[in-house]
């Protein structure tokens, strides 16, 4: 897996390709999964803003797909990111 071997840029390109392919094929559950995994990749490298955006995309996909369990899981991830954000 590219993400775990330190090839961060190649992994990001691969995640984006997977998201685009799933969206083009109208596989909303696969798109959600690709967004979710890309978000975890971003978290690993400290890109919380991008991770938040990807988790929100995943939540939208899982909502369309009808998976309340996945929606709740993603909501928790979003809550965790927001809790870590600096308070003004």
Protein backbone atom coordinates (compact mmCIF):
# COMPACT_ATOMS: atom_id res chain seq x y z
CA UNK A 1 0.00 0.00 0.00
CA UNK A 2 1.49 3.30 -1.06
CA UNK A 3 0.20 5.22 1.94
CA UNK A 4 2.10 3.11 4.45
CA UNK A 5 5.38 3.03 2.53
CA UNK A 6 5.96 6.76 2.66
CA UNK A 7 5.07 7.52 -0.94
CA UNK A 8 2.60 10.17 0.10
CA UNK A 9 2.22 11.97 -3.24
CA UNK A 10 1.70 8.79 -5.24
CA UNK A 11 -0.84 7.63 -2.69
CA UNK A 12 -2.75 10.91 -2.97
CA UNK A 13 -2.87 10.60 -6.77
CA UNK A 14 -4.11 7.02 -6.44
CA UNK A 15 -6.80 7.99 -3.94
CA UNK A 16 -7.98 10.81 -6.23
CA UNK A 17 -8.10 8.41 -9.17
CA UNK A 18 -10.13 5.91 -7.13
CA UNK A 19 -12.59 8.63 -6.06
CA UNK A 20 -13.01 9.82 -9.65
CA UNK A 21 -13.44 6.31 -11.05
CA UNK A 22 -16.06 5.39 -8.46
CA UNK A 23 -17.91 8.65 -9.09
CA UNK A 24 -17.83 8.15 -12.87
CA UNK A 25 -19.15 4.61 -12.47
CA UNK A 26 -21.85 5.80 -10.05
CA UNK A 27 -20.61 3.39 -7.34
CA UNK A 28 -21.52 5.70 -4.47
CA UNK A 29 -20.45 3.22 -1.77
CA UNK A 30 -17.03 2.79 -3.42
CA UNK A 31 -16.69 6.56 -3.73
CA UNK A 32 -17.47 6.90 -0.03
CA UNK A 33 -14.88 4.29 0.86
CA UNK A 34 -12.23 5.94 -1.33
CA UNK A 35 -12.97 9.32 0.27
CA UNK A 36 -12.81 7.82 3.74
CA UNK A 37 -9.48 6.09 3.12
CA UNK A 38 -8.04 9.23 1.51
CA UNK A 39 -9.14 11.19 4.58
CA UNK A 40 -7.28 8.80 6.89
CA UNK A 41 -4.23 9.20 4.65
CA UNK A 42 -4.46 12.98 5.02
CA UNK A 43 -4.78 12.68 8.80
CA UNK A 44 -1.65 10.54 8.90
CA UNK A 45 0.28 13.43 7.33
CA UNK A 46 -1.36 16.21 9.36
CA UNK A 47 -3.55 17.62 6.58
CA UNK A 48 -6.64 17.93 8.77
CA UNK A 49 -8.41 20.44 6.51
CA UNK A 50 -8.24 18.09 3.51
CA UNK A 51 -9.20 15.16 5.73
CA UNK A 52 -12.25 17.03 6.96
CA UNK A 53 -13.31 17.78 3.39
CA UNK A 54 -12.88 14.14 2.37
CA UNK A 55 -14.76 12.84 5.42
CA UNK A 56 -17.62 15.19 4.53
CA UNK A 57 -17.64 13.80 0.99
CA UNK A 58 -17.64 10.27 2.39
CA UNK A 59 -20.55 11.15 4.67
CA UNK A 60 -22.53 12.44 1.69
CA UNK A 61 -21.83 9.25 -0.24
CA UNK A 62 -22.76 6.98 2.65
CA UNK A 63 -25.96 8.98 3.21
CA UNK A 64 -26.93 8.51 -0.45
CA UNK A 65 -26.07 4.83 -0.16
CA UNK A 66 -28.26 4.53 2.94
CA UNK A 67 -25.69 3.26 5.43
CA UNK A 68 -26.49 4.91 8.75
CA UNK A 69 -23.70 2.98 10.50
CA UNK A 70 -21.08 4.43 8.15
CA UNK A 71 -22.63 7.91 8.42
CA UNK A 72 -22.37 7.78 12.22
CA UNK A 73 -18.79 6.52 12.00
CA UNK A 74 -17.82 9.40 9.72
CA UNK A 75 -19.62 11.92 11.93
CA UNK A 76 -17.43 10.72 14.81
CA UNK A 77 -14.29 11.20 12.72
CA UNK A 78 -15.40 14.74 11.84
CA UNK A 79 -16.14 15.44 15.51
CA UNK A 80 -12.64 14.22 16.44
CA UNK A 81 -10.99 16.51 13.90
CA UNK A 82 -13.04 19.48 15.07
CA UNK A 83 -12.16 18.71 18.70
CA UNK A 84 -8.45 18.81 17.83
CA UNK A 85 -8.74 22.15 16.03
CA UNK A 86 -7.39 25.14 17.93
CA UNK A 87 -10.07 27.20 19.65
CA UNK A 88 -10.09 30.95 18.95
